[in-house]
Amino acid sequence: MGNFNFSPSPQTHALKVMVEGAMSQEDAGRFIQEYNEHVSKFDPTQYEIVLDCTKLNVSSPDVLPMLEQCYIMYKESGFKKVVFTIAKNPVLKMQLNRVARSTKLDNYEIVEV
């Protein structure tokens, strides 16, 4: 079961998102719904989205299409930058990079902490 929390920060022009655990298709559906609710309240072209993935597990193959949809949403929303913060996890880093390339998300950065 995955968990997530959205925390908009108008002062820093960032949408902070904490994502943890193993996301299921149901979790991903809830994530997309809440994402749309939050993003509708501000102009994402003036914001960065900062995703704290330090407690996120590698996604299973059945969830990858939903992960790709999320990347496409970030791109279509027009965020100035998409930042993924991860713990030192080479497999997760490789997966996030691969999805970014396949969805042509160019303005992203992966930060290892």
C-alpha atoms as a PDB file:
ATOM      1  CA  MET A   1       0.000   0.000   0.000  1.00  0.00           C
ATOM      2  CA  GLY A   2       1.376   3.366  -1.010  1.00  0.00           C
ATOM      3  CA  ASN A   3       0.850   6.652   0.728  1.00  0.00           C
ATOM      4  CA  PHE A   4       1.216  10.264  -0.407  1.00  0.00           C
ATOM      5  CA  ASN A   5       0.694  13.799   0.811  1.00  0.00           C
ATOM      6  CA  PHE A   6       0.465  17.078  -1.106  1.00  0.00           C
ATOM      7  CA  SER A   7       1.772  20.263   0.489  1.00  0.00           C
ATOM      8  CA  PRO A   8       1.558  23.417  -1.660  1.00  0.00           C
ATOM      9  CA  SER A   9       3.949  26.194  -0.620  1.00  0.00           C
ATOM     10  CA  PRO A  10       2.967  29.522  -2.202  1.00  0.00           C
ATOM     11  CA  GLN A  11       5.877  31.289  -0.451  1.00  0.00           C
ATOM     12  CA  THR A  12       8.506  29.154  -2.217  1.00  0.00           C
ATOM     13  CA  HIS A  13       6.422  28.480  -5.343  1.00  0.00           C
ATOM     14  CA  ALA A  14       6.705  24.737  -4.828  1.00  0.00           C
ATOM     15  CA  LEU A  15       4.263  21.877  -4.684  1.00  0.00           C
ATOM     16  CA  LYS A  16       5.843  19.433  -2.251  1.00  0.00           C
ATOM     17  CA  VAL A  17       4.686  15.853  -2.597  1.00  0.00           C
ATOM     18  CA  MET A  18       5.679  13.018  -0.271  1.00  0.00           C
ATOM     19  CA  VAL A  19       5.297   9.559  -1.801  1.00  0.00           C
ATOM     20  CA  GLU A  20       6.101   6.347   0.078  1.00  0.00           C
ATOM     21  CA  GLY A  21       5.641   2.609   0.019  1.00  0.00           C
ATOM     22  CA  ALA A  22       4.560   0.504  -2.926  1.00  0.00           C
ATOM     23  CA  MET A  23       1.933   2.225  -5.010  1.00  0.00           C
ATOM     24  CA  SER A  24      -0.931   0.115  -6.337  1.00  0.00           C
ATOM     25  CA  GLN A  25      -3.106   1.036  -9.305  1.00  0.00           C
ATOM     26  CA  GLU A  26      -5.783   2.168  -6.828  1.00  0.00           C
ATOM     27  CA  ASP A  27      -3.240   4.377  -5.001  1.00  0.00           C
ATOM     28  CA  ALA A  28      -2.128   5.846  -8.310  1.00  0.00           C
ATOM     29  CA  GLY A  29      -5.730   6.659  -9.211  1.00  0.00           C
ATOM     30  CA  ARG A  30      -6.207   8.489  -5.896  1.00  0.00           C
ATOM     31  CA  PHE A  31      -2.879  10.284  -6.409  1.00  0.00           C
ATOM     32  CA  ILE A  32      -3.959  11.568  -9.836  1.00  0.00           C
ATOM     33  CA  GLN A  33      -7.310  12.765  -8.458  1.00  0.00           C
ATOM     34  CA  GLU A  34      -5.708  14.664  -5.561  1.00  0.00           C
ATOM     35  CA  TYR A  35      -2.967  16.016  -7.832  1.00  0.00           C
ATOM     36  CA  ASN A  36      -5.592  17.549 -10.137  1.00  0.00           C
ATOM     37  CA  GLU A  37      -7.447  19.082  -7.177  1.00  0.00           C
ATOM     38  CA  HIS A  38      -4.279  20.775  -5.871  1.00  0.00           C
ATOM     39  CA  VAL A  39      -2.882  21.917  -9.224  1.00  0.00           C
ATOM     40  CA  SER A  40      -6.189  23.549 -10.186  1.00  0.00           C
ATOM     41  CA  LYS A  41      -5.651  26.073  -7.344  1.00  0.00           C
ATOM     42  CA  PHE A  42      -2.453  27.725  -8.700  1.00  0.00           C
ATOM     43  CA  ASP A  43      -0.498  28.374 -11.899  1.00  0.00           C
ATOM     44  CA  PRO A  44       1.942  25.447 -12.187  1.00  0.00           C
ATOM     45  CA  THR A  45       4.113  27.333 -14.697  1.00  0.00           C
ATOM     46  CA  GLN A  46       5.190  29.501 -11.740  1.00  0.00           C
ATOM     47  CA  TYR A  47       5.964  26.478  -9.538  1.00  0.00           C
ATOM     48  CA  GLU A  48       8.367  23.597  -9.131  1.00  0.00           C
ATOM     49  CA  ILE A  49       7.053  20.214  -8.087  1.00  0.00           C
ATOM     50  CA  VAL A  50       9.302  18.533  -5.521  1.00  0.00           C
ATOM     51  CA  LEU A  51       8.567  14.858  -4.990  1.00  0.00           C
ATOM     52  CA  ASP A  52      10.033  13.294  -1.843  1.00  0.00           C
ATOM     53  CA  CYS A  53      10.523   9.679  -2.918  1.00  0.00           C
ATOM     54  CA  THR A  54      12.983   8.751  -0.164  1.00  0.00           C
ATOM     55  CA  LYS A  55      10.576   6.100   1.174  1.00  0.00           C
ATOM     56  CA  LEU A  56       9.170   5.025  -2.201  1.00  0.00           C
ATOM     57  CA  ASN A  57       9.590   1.422  -3.317  1.00  0.00           C
ATOM     58  CA  VAL A  58      10.471   0.473  -6.887  1.00  0.00           C
ATOM     59  CA  SER A  59       7.237   0.246  -8.896  1.00  0.00           C
ATOM     60  CA  SER A  60       6.000  -3.117 -10.119  1.00  0.00           C
ATOM     61  CA  PRO A  61       5.481  -3.553 -13.881  1.00  0.00           C
ATOM     62  CA  ASP A  62       1.675  -3.343 -13.585  1.00  0.00           C
ATOM     63  CA  VAL A  63       1.928   0.144 -12.016  1.00  0.00           C
ATOM     64  CA  LEU A  64       4.451   1.574 -14.524  1.00  0.00           C
ATOM     65  CA  PRO A  65       1.763   2.836 -16.953  1.00  0.00           C
ATOM     66  CA  MET A  66       0.250   4.892 -14.092  1.00  0.00           C
ATOM     67  CA  LEU A  67       3.703   6.237 -13.202  1.00  0.00           C
ATOM     68  CA  GLU A  68       4.146   7.254 -16.839  1.00  0.00           C
ATOM     69  CA  GLN A  69       0.765   9.023 -16.707  1.00  0.00           C
ATOM     70  CA  CYS A  70       1.960  11.005 -13.682  1.00  0.00           C
ATOM     71  CA  TYR A  71       5.098  12.127 -15.538  1.00  0.00           C
ATOM     72  CA  ILE A  72       2.950  13.190 -18.489  1.00  0.00           C
ATOM     73  CA  MET A  73       0.712  15.163 -16.080  1.00  0.00           C
ATOM     74  CA  TYR A  74       3.747  16.982 -14.643  1.00  0.00           C
ATOM     75  CA  LYS A  75       4.892  17.823 -18.169  1.00  0.00           C
ATOM     76  CA  GLU A  76       1.453  18.949 -19.387  1.00  0.00           C
ATOM     77  CA  SER A  77       0.883  21.028 -16.236  1.00  0.00           C
ATOM     78  CA  GLY A  78       3.956  23.047 -17.210  1.00  0.00           C
ATOM     79  CA  PHE A  79       5.923  23.004 -13.950  1.00  0.00           C
ATOM     80  CA  LYS A  80       9.159  25.009 -14.137  1.00  0.00           C
ATOM     81  CA  LYS A  81      11.039  22.003 -12.792  1.00  0.00           C
ATOM     82  CA  VAL A  82      10.297  18.490 -11.545  1.00  0.00           C
ATOM     83  CA  VAL A  83      12.561  17.345  -8.705  1.00  0.00           C
ATOM     84  CA  PHE A  84      12.636  13.782  -7.393  1.00  0.00           C
ATOM     85  CA  THR A  85      14.404  13.342  -4.050  1.00  0.00           C
ATOM     86  CA  ILE A  86      15.387   9.727  -3.433  1.00  0.00           C
ATOM     87  CA  ALA A  87      17.440   7.720  -0.974  1.00  0.00           C
ATOM     88  CA  LYS A  88      20.494   6.053  -2.475  1.00  0.00           C
ATOM     89  CA  ASN A  89      18.697   3.381  -4.508  1.00  0.00           C
ATOM     90  CA  PRO A  90      20.221   2.645  -7.928  1.00  0.00           C
ATOM     91  CA  VAL A  91      17.226   0.581  -9.113  1.00  0.00           C
ATOM     92  CA  LEU A  92      14.687   3.304  -8.241  1.00  0.00           C
ATOM     93  CA  LYS A  93      16.914   5.966  -9.801  1.00  0.00           C
ATOM     94  CA  MET A  94      17.196   3.919 -12.991  1.00  0.00           C
ATOM     95  CA  GLN A  95      13.414   3.394 -13.080  1.00  0.00           C
ATOM     96  CA  LEU A  96      12.644   7.108 -12.596  1.00  0.00           C
ATOM     97  CA  ASN A  97      15.198   8.063 -15.280  1.00  0.00           C
ATOM     98  CA  ARG A  98      13.793   5.497 -17.718  1.00  0.00           C
ATOM     99  CA  VAL A  99      10.208   6.729 -17.249  1.00  0.00           C
ATOM    100  CA  ALA A 100      11.351  10.355 -17.663  1.00  0.00           C
ATOM    101  CA  ARG A 101      13.053   9.499 -20.956  1.00  0.00           C
ATOM    102  CA  SER A 102      10.100   7.474 -22.257  1.00  0.00           C
ATOM    103  CA  THR A 103       7.661  10.313 -21.479  1.00  0.00           C
ATOM    104  CA  LYS A 104      10.071  12.990 -22.762  1.00  0.00           C
ATOM    105  CA  LEU A 105      10.070  14.836 -19.432  1.00  0.00           C
ATOM    106  CA  ASP A 106      13.118  17.069 -19.935  1.00  0.00           C
ATOM    107  CA  ASN A 107      12.968  19.487 -16.978  1.00  0.00           C
ATOM    108  CA  TYR A 108      13.537  16.951 -14.208  1.00  0.00           C
ATOM    109  CA  GLU A 109      16.277  16.350 -11.686  1.00  0.00           C
ATOM    110  CA  ILE A 110      16.918  13.400  -9.392  1.00  0.00           C
ATOM    111  CA  VAL A 111      18.569  14.321  -6.096  1.00  0.00           C
ATOM    112  CA  GLU A 112      20.001  11.553  -3.923  1.00  0.00           C
ATOM    113  CA  VAL A 113      20.071  12.203  -0.167  1.00  0.00           C
END
